[in-house]
Amino acid sequence: MFLLSNFLYSIAVVARLFLQFEVLSIIVFTLLGLFNPYMIPGVKSFFGKMSRLTMGPVQRLCPFLKGDALDFTPVVTVLAIVFIDFFLVSSLFDLAQNLR
């Protein structure tokens, strides 16, 4: 059972790292969109592609979040990622701990 426990624990760690990187990329992309840096366009495009992994489905499901002046998609996406982290990833950690 310890093999399954270690496997679930490692999946939870990788999932948490991915979710944290997604939150970071959404925050950086949103801040770069506010300041519009012309010196480093590659950075904005990189973080734009990374944040579209999670913001794209939210924009398709809830098109009313993107208004003319304000876009609430990053806020809703970060809240969804935090919910997934606390619910699913924490459950994986607990399950791995209980299997030991």
PDB file of N, CA and C in Angstrom:
ATOM      1  N   MET A   1       0.805  -1.199   0.000  1.00  0.00           N
ATOM      2  CA  MET A   1       0.000   0.000   0.000  1.00  0.00           C
ATOM      3  C   MET A   1       0.848   1.263   0.000  1.00  0.00           C
ATOM      4  N   PHE A   2       2.084   1.146   0.449  1.00  0.00           N
ATOM      5  CA  PHE A   2       2.915   2.342   0.500  1.00  0.00           C
ATOM      6  C   PHE A   2       3.249   2.843  -0.900  1.00  0.00           C
ATOM      7  N   LEU A   3       3.277   1.945  -1.895  1.00  0.00           N
ATOM      8  CA  LEU A   3       3.533   2.386  -3.271  1.00  0.00           C
ATOM      9  C   LEU A   3       2.383   3.240  -3.791  1.00  0.00           C
ATOM     10  N   LEU A   4       1.171   2.807  -3.535  1.00  0.00           N
ATOM     11  CA  LEU A   4       0.007   3.592  -3.948  1.00  0.00           C
ATOM     12  C   LEU A   4      -0.040   4.916  -3.198  1.00  0.00           C
ATOM     13  N   SER A   5       0.312   4.885  -1.935  1.00  0.00           N
ATOM     14  CA  SER A   5       0.343   6.105  -1.135  1.00  0.00           C
ATOM     15  C   SER A   5       1.362   7.095  -1.684  1.00  0.00           C
ATOM     16  N   ASN A   6       2.556   6.616  -1.997  1.00  0.00           N
ATOM     17  CA  ASN A   6       3.581   7.494  -2.554  1.00  0.00           C
ATOM     18  C   ASN A   6       3.190   8.008  -3.935  1.00  0.00           C
ATOM     19  N   PHE A   7       2.540   7.161  -4.724  1.00  0.00           N
ATOM     20  CA  PHE A   7       2.093   7.575  -6.050  1.00  0.00           C
ATOM     21  C   PHE A   7       1.050   8.689  -5.953  1.00  0.00           C
ATOM     22  N   LEU A   8       0.067   8.528  -5.075  1.00  0.00           N
ATOM     23  CA  LEU A   8      -0.952   9.564  -4.894  1.00  0.00           C
ATOM     24  C   LEU A   8      -0.355  10.845  -4.332  1.00  0.00           C
ATOM     25  N   TYR A   9       0.594  10.701  -3.430  1.00  0.00           N
ATOM     26  CA  TYR A   9       1.257  11.874  -2.861  1.00  0.00           C
ATOM     27  C   TYR A   9       2.016  12.641  -3.936  1.00  0.00           C
ATOM     28  N   SER A  10       2.720  11.927  -4.816  1.00  0.00           N
ATOM     29  CA  SER A  10       3.479  12.604  -5.871  1.00  0.00           C
ATOM     30  C   SER A  10       2.553  13.253  -6.894  1.00  0.00           C
ATOM     31  N   ILE A  11       1.417  12.626  -7.187  1.00  0.00           N
ATOM     32  CA  ILE A  11       0.443  13.254  -8.086  1.00  0.00           C
ATOM     33  C   ILE A  11      -0.097  14.539  -7.464  1.00  0.00           C
ATOM     34  N   ALA A  12      -0.356  14.513  -6.174  1.00  0.00           N
ATOM     35  CA  ALA A  12      -0.856  15.701  -5.486  1.00  0.00           C
ATOM     36  C   ALA A  12       0.177  16.818  -5.488  1.00  0.00           C
ATOM     37  N   VAL A  13       1.447  16.477  -5.305  1.00  0.00           N
ATOM     38  CA  VAL A  13       2.502  17.495  -5.315  1.00  0.00           C
ATOM     39  C   VAL A  13       2.618  18.129  -6.699  1.00  0.00           C
ATOM     40  N   VAL A  14       2.611  17.308  -7.737  1.00  0.00           N
ATOM     41  CA  VAL A  14       2.717  17.834  -9.103  1.00  0.00           C
ATOM     42  C   VAL A  14       1.493  18.681  -9.446  1.00  0.00           C
ATOM     43  N   ALA A  15       0.315  18.240  -9.040  1.00  0.00           N
ATOM     44  CA  ALA A  15      -0.898  19.013  -9.304  1.00  0.00           C
ATOM     45  C   ALA A  15      -0.859  20.354  -8.585  1.00  0.00           C
ATOM     46  N   ARG A  16      -0.396  20.354  -7.341  1.00  0.00           N
ATOM     47  CA  ARG A  16      -0.308  21.617  -6.603  1.00  0.00           C
ATOM     48  C   ARG A  16       0.697  22.567  -7.247  1.00  0.00           C
ATOM     49  N   LEU A  17       1.838  22.052  -7.698  1.00  0.00           N
ATOM     50  CA  LEU A  17       2.821  22.903  -8.376  1.00  0.00           C
ATOM     51  C   LEU A  17       2.254  23.480  -9.668  1.00  0.00           C
ATOM     52  N   PHE A  18       1.544  22.653 -10.434  1.00  0.00           N
ATOM     53  CA  PHE A  18       0.936  23.138 -11.670  1.00  0.00           C
ATOM     54  C   PHE A  18      -0.094  24.225 -11.390  1.00  0.00           C
ATOM     55  N   LEU A  19      -0.935  24.016 -10.388  1.00  0.00           N
ATOM     56  CA  LEU A  19      -1.957  25.006 -10.066  1.00  0.00           C
ATOM     57  C   LEU A  19      -1.340  26.308  -9.563  1.00  0.00           C
ATOM     58  N   GLN A  20      -0.276  26.215  -8.774  1.00  0.00           N
ATOM     59  CA  GLN A  20       0.393  27.426  -8.306  1.00  0.00           C
ATOM     60  C   GLN A  20       1.048  28.174  -9.462  1.00  0.00           C
ATOM     61  N   PHE A  21       1.619  27.436 -10.411  1.00  0.00           N
ATOM     62  CA  PHE A  21       2.214  28.086 -11.576  1.00  0.00           C
ATOM     63  C   PHE A  21       1.136  28.752 -12.429  1.00  0.00           C
ATOM     64  N   GLU A  22      -0.026  28.140 -12.531  1.00  0.00           N
ATOM     65  CA  GLU A  22      -1.120  28.744 -13.288  1.00  0.00           C
ATOM     66  C   GLU A  22      -1.589  30.042 -12.630  1.00  0.00           C
ATOM     67  N   VAL A  23      -1.716  30.051 -11.318  1.00  0.00           N
ATOM     68  CA  VAL A  23      -2.112  31.276 -10.616  1.00  0.00           C
ATOM     69  C   VAL A  23      -1.066  32.360 -10.833  1.00  0.00           C
ATOM     70  N   LEU A  24       0.201  31.997 -10.731  1.00  0.00           N
ATOM     71  CA  LEU A  24       1.273  32.963 -10.957  1.00  0.00           C
ATOM     72  C   LEU A  24       1.238  33.499 -12.382  1.00  0.00           C
ATOM     73  N   SER A  25       1.020  32.640 -13.363  1.00  0.00           N
ATOM     74  CA  SER A  25       1.000  33.102 -14.750  1.00  0.00           C
ATOM     75  C   SER A  25      -0.202  34.003 -15.016  1.00  0.00           C
ATOM     76  N   ILE A  26      -1.338  33.726 -14.387  1.00  0.00           N
ATOM     77  CA  ILE A  26      -2.506  34.594 -14.557  1.00  0.00           C
ATOM     78  C   ILE A  26      -2.249  35.960 -13.943  1.00  0.00           C
ATOM     79  N   ILE A  27      -1.647  35.992 -12.767  1.00  0.00           N
ATOM     80  CA  ILE A  27      -1.355  37.272 -12.109  1.00  0.00           C
ATOM     81  C   ILE A  27      -0.351  38.076 -12.924  1.00  0.00           C
ATOM     82  N   VAL A  28       0.714  37.430 -13.391  1.00  0.00           N
ATOM     83  CA  VAL A  28       1.726  38.145 -14.180  1.00  0.00           C
ATOM     84  C   VAL A  28       1.131  38.635 -15.488  1.00  0.00           C
ATOM     85  N   PHE A  29       0.337  37.810 -16.164  1.00  0.00           N
ATOM     86  CA  PHE A  29      -0.278  38.218 -17.427  1.00  0.00           C
ATOM     87  C   PHE A  29      -1.225  39.396 -17.227  1.00  0.00           C
ATOM     88  N   THR A  30      -1.988  39.374 -16.139  1.00  0.00           N
ATOM     89  CA  THR A  30      -2.909  40.471 -15.866  1.00  0.00           C
ATOM     90  C   THR A  30      -2.156  41.758 -15.561  1.00  0.00           C
ATOM     91  N   LEU A  31      -1.094  41.670 -14.774  1.00  0.00           N
ATOM     92  CA  LEU A  31      -0.306  42.867 -14.474  1.00  0.00           C
ATOM     93  C   LEU A  31       0.410  43.400 -15.706  1.00  0.00           C
ATOM     94  N   LEU A  32       0.914  42.502 -16.555  1.00  0.00           N
ATOM     95  CA  LEU A  32       1.555  42.954 -17.785  1.00  0.00           C
ATOM     96  C   LEU A  32       0.547  43.594 -18.730  1.00  0.00           C
ATOM     97  N   GLY A  33      -0.692  43.143 -18.691  1.00  0.00           N
ATOM     98  CA  GLY A  33      -1.731  43.762 -19.507  1.00  0.00           C
ATOM     99  C   GLY A  33      -2.071  45.165 -19.031  1.00  0.00           C
ATOM    100  N   LEU A  34      -1.912  45.412 -17.751  1.00  0.00           N
ATOM    101  CA  LEU A  34      -2.173  46.751 -17.227  1.00  0.00           C
ATOM    102  C   LEU A  34      -1.065  47.730 -17.584  1.00  0.00           C
ATOM    103  N   PHE A  35       0.177  47.271 -17.532  1.00  0.00           N
ATOM    104  CA  PHE A  35       1.301  48.168 -17.751  1.00  0.00           C
ATOM    105  C   PHE A  35       1.800  48.185 -19.185  1.00  0.00           C
ATOM    106  N   ASN A  36       1.447  47.165 -19.975  1.00  0.00           N
ATOM    107  CA  ASN A  36       1.764  47.098 -21.392  1.00  0.00           C
ATOM    108  C   ASN A  36       3.250  47.322 -21.678  1.00  0.00           C
ATOM    109  N   PRO A  37       4.105  46.395 -21.298  1.00  0.00           N
ATOM    110  CA  PRO A  37       5.542  46.581 -21.526  1.00  0.00           C
ATOM    111  C   PRO A  37       5.905  46.330 -22.990  1.00  0.00           C
ATOM    112  N   TYR A  38       6.534  47.303 -23.594  1.00  0.00           N
ATOM    113  CA  TYR A  38       6.942  47.165 -24.990  1.00  0.00           C
ATOM    114  C   TYR A  38       8.333  46.569 -25.118  1.00  0.00           C
ATOM    115  N   MET A  39       9.107  46.581 -24.045  1.00  0.00           N
ATOM    116  CA  MET A  39      10.490  46.109 -24.136  1.00  0.00           C
ATOM    117  C   MET A  39      10.592  44.589 -24.174  1.00  0.00           C
ATOM    118  N   ILE A  40       9.677  43.884 -23.553  1.00  0.00           N
ATOM    119  CA  ILE A  40       9.782  42.431 -23.465  1.00  0.00           C
ATOM    120  C   ILE A  40       8.479  41.798 -23.969  1.00  0.00           C
ATOM    121  N   PRO A  41       8.231  41.788 -25.281  1.00  0.00           N
ATOM    122  CA  PRO A  41       6.976  41.210 -25.766  1.00  0.00           C
ATOM    123  C   PRO A  41       6.926  39.690 -25.640  1.00  0.00           C
ATOM    124  N   GLY A  42       8.066  39.019 -25.618  1.00  0.00           N
ATOM    125  CA  GLY A  42       8.084  37.567 -25.496  1.00  0.00           C
ATOM    126  C   GLY A  42       7.576  37.087 -24.154  1.00  0.00           C
ATOM    127  N   VAL A  43       7.835  37.866 -23.119  1.00  0.00           N
ATOM    128  CA  VAL A  43       7.384  37.497 -21.774  1.00  0.00           C
ATOM    129  C   VAL A  43       5.861  37.552 -21.704  1.00  0.00           C
ATOM    130  N   LYS A  44       5.281  38.604 -22.272  1.00  0.00           N
ATOM    131  CA  LYS A  44       3.826  38.732 -22.244  1.00  0.00           C
ATOM    132  C   LYS A  44       3.171  37.619 -23.056  1.00  0.00           C
ATOM    133  N   SER A  45       3.760  37.271 -24.187  1.00  0.00           N
ATOM    134  CA  SER A  45       3.167  36.202 -24.992  1.00  0.00           C
ATOM    135  C   SER A  45       3.296  34.848 -24.298  1.00  0.00           C
ATOM    136  N   PHE A  46       4.412  34.601 -23.605  1.00  0.00           N
ATOM    137  CA  PHE A  46       4.580  33.347 -22.869  1.00  0.00           C
ATOM    138  C   PHE A  46       3.538  33.215 -21.770  1.00  0.00           C
ATOM    139  N   PHE A  47       3.407  34.255 -20.949  1.00  0.00           N
ATOM    140  CA  PHE A  47       2.437  34.188 -19.858  1.00  0.00           C
ATOM    141  C   PHE A  47       1.007  34.213 -20.386  1.00  0.00           C
ATOM    142  N   GLY A  48       0.793  34.833 -21.541  1.00  0.00           N
ATOM    143  CA  GLY A  48      -0.533  34.810 -22.157  1.00  0.00           C
ATOM    144  C   GLY A  48      -0.931  33.413 -22.576  1.00  0.00           C
ATOM    145  N   LYS A  49       0.010  32.686 -23.186  1.00  0.00           N
ATOM    146  CA  LYS A  49      -0.280  31.310 -23.597  1.00  0.00           C
ATOM    147  C   LYS A  49      -0.491  30.408 -22.388  1.00  0.00           C
ATOM    148  N   MET A  50       0.298  30.613 -21.344  1.00  0.00           N
ATOM    149  CA  MET A  50       0.157  29.781 -20.151  1.00  0.00           C
ATOM    150  C   MET A  50      -1.163  30.059 -19.417  1.00  0.00           C
ATOM    151  N   SER A  51      -1.554  31.318 -19.359  1.00  0.00           N
ATOM    152  CA  SER A  51      -2.792  31.640 -18.642  1.00  0.00           C
ATOM    153  C   SER A  51      -4.025  31.271 -19.452  1.00  0.00           C
ATOM    154  N   ARG A  52      -3.901  31.185 -20.758  1.00  0.00           N
ATOM    155  CA  ARG A  52      -5.047  30.794 -21.593  1.00  0.00           C
ATOM    156  C   ARG A  52      -5.429  29.329 -21.398  1.00  0.00           C
ATOM    157  N   LEU A  53      -4.519  28.524 -20.845  1.00  0.00           N
ATOM    158  CA  LEU A  53      -4.863  27.130 -20.551  1.00  0.00           C
ATOM    159  C   LEU A  53      -6.064  27.036 -19.619  1.00  0.00           C
ATOM    160  N   THR A  54      -6.117  27.912 -18.652  1.00  0.00           N
ATOM    161  CA  THR A  54      -7.208  27.861 -17.686  1.00  0.00           C
ATOM    162  C   THR A  54      -8.229  28.974 -17.888  1.00  0.00           C
ATOM    163  N   MET A  55      -7.812  30.122 -18.402  1.00  0.00           N
ATOM    164  CA  MET A  55      -8.761  31.215 -18.586  1.00  0.00           C
ATOM    165  C   MET A  55      -9.621  31.021 -19.830  1.00  0.00           C
ATOM    166  N   GLY A  56      -9.134  30.285 -20.818  1.00  0.00           N
ATOM    167  CA  GLY A  56      -9.898  30.062 -22.041  1.00  0.00           C
ATOM    168  C   GLY A  56     -11.231  29.370 -21.805  1.00  0.00           C
ATOM    169  N   PRO A  57     -11.238  28.228 -21.094  1.00  0.00           N
ATOM    170  CA  PRO A  57     -12.527  27.578 -20.823  1.00  0.00           C
ATOM    171  C   PRO A  57     -13.477  28.431 -19.982  1.00  0.00           C
ATOM    172  N   VAL A  58     -12.938  29.208 -19.051  1.00  0.00           N
ATOM    173  CA  VAL A  58     -13.798  30.071 -18.233  1.00  0.00           C
ATOM    174  C   VAL A  58     -14.421  31.152 -19.105  1.00  0.00           C
ATOM    175  N   GLN A  59     -13.655  31.707 -20.052  1.00  0.00           N
ATOM    176  CA  GLN A  59     -14.199  32.723 -20.949  1.00  0.00           C
ATOM    177  C   GLN A  59     -15.255  32.142 -21.879  1.00  0.00           C
ATOM    178  N   ARG A  60     -15.092  30.881 -22.287  1.00  0.00           N
ATOM    179  CA  ARG A  60     -16.101  30.255 -23.145  1.00  0.00           C
ATOM    180  C   ARG A  60     -17.369  29.919 -22.365  1.00  0.00           C
ATOM    181  N   LEU A  61     -17.215  29.473 -21.114  1.00  0.00           N
ATOM    182  CA  LEU A  61     -18.382  29.118 -20.308  1.00  0.00           C
ATOM    183  C   LEU A  61     -19.138  30.342 -19.796  1.00  0.00           C
ATOM    184  N   CYS A  62     -18.417  31.398 -19.461  1.00  0.00           N
ATOM    185  CA  CYS A  62     -19.025  32.605 -18.887  1.00  0.00           C
ATOM    186  C   CYS A  62     -18.580  33.832 -19.679  1.00  0.00           C
ATOM    187  N   PRO A  63     -19.131  34.051 -20.875  1.00  0.00           N
ATOM    188  CA  PRO A  63     -18.683  35.203 -21.670  1.00  0.00           C
ATOM    189  C   PRO A  63     -19.089  36.543 -21.062  1.00  0.00           C
ATOM    190  N   PHE A  64     -20.049  36.545 -20.148  1.00  0.00           N
ATOM    191  CA  PHE A  64     -20.489  37.793 -19.529  1.00  0.00           C
ATOM    192  C   PHE A  64     -19.465  38.350 -18.545  1.00  0.00           C
ATOM    193  N   LEU A  65     -18.443  37.564 -18.183  1.00  0.00           N
ATOM    194  CA  LEU A  65     -17.419  38.052 -17.252  1.00  0.00           C
ATOM    195  C   LEU A  65     -16.490  39.063 -17.905  1.00  0.00           C
ATOM    196  N   LYS A  66     -16.391  39.003 -19.222  1.00  0.00           N
ATOM    197  CA  LYS A  66     -15.498  39.921 -19.932  1.00  0.00           C
ATOM    198  C   LYS A  66     -16.323  41.102 -20.420  1.00  0.00           C
ATOM    199  N   GLY A  67     -16.224  42.190 -19.697  1.00  0.00           N
ATOM    200  CA  GLY A  67     -16.954  43.395 -20.060  1.00  0.00           C
ATOM    201  C   GLY A  67     -16.121  44.297 -20.953  1.00  0.00           C
ATOM    202  N   ASP A  68     -16.646  45.481 -21.204  1.00  0.00           N
ATOM    203  CA  ASP A  68     -15.923  46.435 -22.042  1.00  0.00           C
ATOM    204  C   ASP A  68     -14.738  47.043 -21.304  1.00  0.00           C
ATOM    205  N   ALA A  69     -14.949  47.407 -20.056  1.00  0.00           N
ATOM    206  CA  ALA A  69     -13.888  48.071 -19.306  1.00  0.00           C
ATOM    207  C   ALA A  69     -13.106  47.107 -18.421  1.00  0.00           C
ATOM    208  N   LEU A  70     -13.797  46.195 -17.769  1.00  0.00           N
ATOM    209  CA  LEU A  70     -13.142  45.284 -16.832  1.00  0.00           C
ATOM    210  C   LEU A  70     -13.360  43.836 -17.246  1.00  0.00           C
ATOM    211  N   ASP A  71     -12.336  43.033 -17.034  1.00  0.00           N
ATOM    212  CA  ASP A  71     -12.410  41.602 -17.311  1.00  0.00           C
ATOM    213  C   ASP A  71     -12.271  40.865 -15.984  1.00  0.00           C
ATOM    214  N   PHE A  72     -13.333  40.200 -15.565  1.00  0.00           N
ATOM    215  CA  PHE A  72     -13.325  39.478 -14.298  1.00  0.00           C
ATOM    216  C   PHE A  72     -12.921  38.021 -14.454  1.00  0.00           C
ATOM    217  N   THR A  73     -12.556  37.625 -15.666  1.00  0.00           N
ATOM    218  CA  THR A  73     -12.165  36.238 -15.907  1.00  0.00           C
ATOM    219  C   THR A  73     -10.961  35.813 -15.069  1.00  0.00           C
ATOM    220  N   PRO A  74      -9.898  36.631 -14.942  1.00  0.00           N
ATOM    221  CA  PRO A  74      -8.773  36.197 -14.102  1.00  0.00           C
ATOM    222  C   PRO A  74      -9.159  35.963 -12.643  1.00  0.00           C
ATOM    223  N   VAL A  75     -10.043  36.789 -12.113  1.00  0.00           N
ATOM    224  CA  VAL A  75     -10.453  36.639 -10.716  1.00  0.00           C
ATOM    225  C   VAL A  75     -11.218  35.331 -10.526  1.00  0.00           C
ATOM    226  N   VAL A  76     -12.162  35.062 -11.422  1.00  0.00           N
ATOM    227  CA  VAL A  76     -12.959  33.839 -11.316  1.00  0.00           C
ATOM    228  C   VAL A  76     -12.078  32.615 -11.523  1.00  0.00           C
ATOM    229  N   THR A  77     -11.125  32.709 -12.450  1.00  0.00           N
ATOM    230  CA  THR A  77     -10.234  31.583 -12.712  1.00  0.00           C
ATOM    231  C   THR A  77      -9.341  31.292 -11.509  1.00  0.00           C
ATOM    232  N   VAL A  78      -8.802  32.324 -10.895  1.00  0.00           N
ATOM    233  CA  VAL A  78      -7.958  32.122  -9.706  1.00  0.00           C
ATOM    234  C   VAL A  78      -8.785  31.534  -8.564  1.00  0.00           C
ATOM    235  N   LEU A  79     -10.007  32.001  -8.392  1.00  0.00           N
ATOM    236  CA  LEU A  79     -10.867  31.427  -7.347  1.00  0.00           C
ATOM    237  C   LEU A  79     -11.172  29.959  -7.623  1.00  0.00           C
ATOM    238  N   ALA A  80     -11.393  29.614  -8.882  1.00  0.00           N
ATOM    239  CA  ALA A  80     -11.640  28.209  -9.231  1.00  0.00           C
ATOM    240  C   ALA A  80     -10.403  27.352  -8.980  1.00  0.00           C
ATOM    241  N   ILE A  81      -9.228  27.889  -9.297  1.00  0.00           N
ATOM    242  CA  ILE A  81      -7.986  27.144  -9.066  1.00  0.00           C
ATOM    243  C   ILE A  81      -7.758  26.938  -7.569  1.00  0.00           C
ATOM    244  N   VAL A  82      -8.027  27.959  -6.772  1.00  0.00           N
ATOM    245  CA  VAL A  82      -7.873  27.831  -5.319  1.00  0.00           C
ATOM    246  C   VAL A  82      -8.855  26.794  -4.774  1.00  0.00           C
ATOM    247  N   PHE A  83     -10.082  26.784  -5.291  1.00  0.00           N
ATOM    248  CA  PHE A  83     -11.059  25.776  -4.865  1.00  0.00           C
ATOM    249  C   PHE A  83     -10.578  24.374  -5.212  1.00  0.00           C
ATOM    250  N   ILE A  84     -10.078  24.195  -6.435  1.00  0.00           N
ATOM    251  CA  ILE A  84      -9.564  22.881  -6.850  1.00  0.00           C
ATOM    252  C   ILE A  84      -8.391  22.468  -5.974  1.00  0.00           C
ATOM    253  N   ASP A  85      -7.534  23.426  -5.650  1.00  0.00           N
ATOM    254  CA  ASP A  85      -6.378  23.113  -4.812  1.00  0.00           C
ATOM    255  C   ASP A  85      -6.819  22.664  -3.420  1.00  0.00           C
ATOM    256  N   PHE A  86      -7.719  23.407  -2.808  1.00  0.00           N
ATOM    257  CA  PHE A  86      -8.141  23.064  -1.449  1.00  0.00           C
ATOM    258  C   PHE A  86      -8.999  21.813  -1.408  1.00  0.00           C
ATOM    259  N   PHE A  87      -9.786  21.568  -2.441  1.00  0.00           N
ATOM    260  CA  PHE A  87     -10.697  20.427  -2.414  1.00  0.00           C
ATOM    261  C   PHE A  87     -10.034  19.158  -2.932  1.00  0.00           C
ATOM    262  N   LEU A  88      -9.589  19.166  -4.173  1.00  0.00           N
ATOM    263  CA  LEU A  88      -9.083  17.937  -4.782  1.00  0.00           C
ATOM    264  C   LEU A  88      -7.662  17.588  -4.350  1.00  0.00           C
ATOM    265  N   VAL A  89      -6.771  18.559  -4.397  1.00  0.00           N
ATOM    266  CA  VAL A  89      -5.374  18.261  -4.078  1.00  0.00           C
ATOM    267  C   VAL A  89      -5.221  17.940  -2.596  1.00  0.00           C
ATOM    268  N   SER A  90      -5.910  18.677  -1.750  1.00  0.00           N
ATOM    269  CA  SER A  90      -5.852  18.355  -0.318  1.00  0.00           C
ATOM    270  C   SER A  90      -6.465  16.989  -0.035  1.00  0.00           C
ATOM    271  N   SER A  91      -7.507  16.629  -0.781  1.00  0.00           N
ATOM    272  CA  SER A  91      -8.092  15.294  -0.622  1.00  0.00           C
ATOM    273  C   SER A  91      -7.113  14.212  -1.047  1.00  0.00           C
ATOM    274  N   LEU A  92      -6.347  14.465  -2.099  1.00  0.00           N
ATOM    275  CA  LEU A  92      -5.318  13.503  -2.514  1.00  0.00           C
ATOM    276  C   LEU A  92      -4.243  13.351  -1.448  1.00  0.00           C
ATOM    277  N   PHE A  93      -3.835  14.466  -0.851  1.00  0.00           N
ATOM    278  CA  PHE A  93      -2.852  14.395   0.234  1.00  0.00           C
ATOM    279  C   PHE A  93      -3.399  13.582   1.409  1.00  0.00           C
ATOM    280  N   ASP A  94      -4.644  13.841   1.787  1.00  0.00           N
ATOM    281  CA  ASP A  94      -5.243  13.101   2.902  1.00  0.00           C
ATOM    282  C   ASP A  94      -5.391  11.621   2.586  1.00  0.00           C
ATOM    283  N   LEU A  95      -5.788  11.311   1.360  1.00  0.00           N
ATOM    284  CA  LEU A  95      -5.928   9.912   0.963  1.00  0.00           C
ATOM    285  C   LEU A  95      -4.581   9.200   0.987  1.00  0.00           C
ATOM    286  N   ALA A  96      -3.548   9.878   0.505  1.00  0.00           N
ATOM    287  CA  ALA A  96      -2.210   9.282   0.534  1.00  0.00           C
ATOM    288  C   ALA A  96      -1.738   9.071   1.969  1.00  0.00           C
ATOM    289  N   GLN A  97      -2.062  10.008   2.845  1.00  0.00           N
ATOM    290  CA  GLN A  97      -1.664   9.873   4.247  1.00  0.00           C
ATOM    291  C   GLN A  97      -2.405   8.726   4.925  1.00  0.00           C
ATOM    292  N   ASN A  98      -3.685   8.551   4.601  1.00  0.00           N
ATOM    293  CA  ASN A  98      -4.471   7.486   5.231  1.00  0.00           C
ATOM    294  C   ASN A  98      -4.094   6.100   4.727  1.00  0.00           C
ATOM    295  N   LEU A  99      -3.515   6.008   3.547  1.00  0.00           N
ATOM    296  CA  LEU A  99      -3.115   4.708   3.009  1.00  0.00           C
ATOM    297  C   LEU A  99      -1.821   4.190   3.626  1.00  0.00           C
ATOM    298  N   ARG A 100      -1.092   5.019   4.329  1.00  0.00           N
ATOM    299  CA  ARG A 100       0.178   4.590   4.930  1.00  0.00           C
ATOM    300  C   ARG A 100      -0.034   3.776   6.158  1.00  0.00           C
TER     301      ARG A 100
END
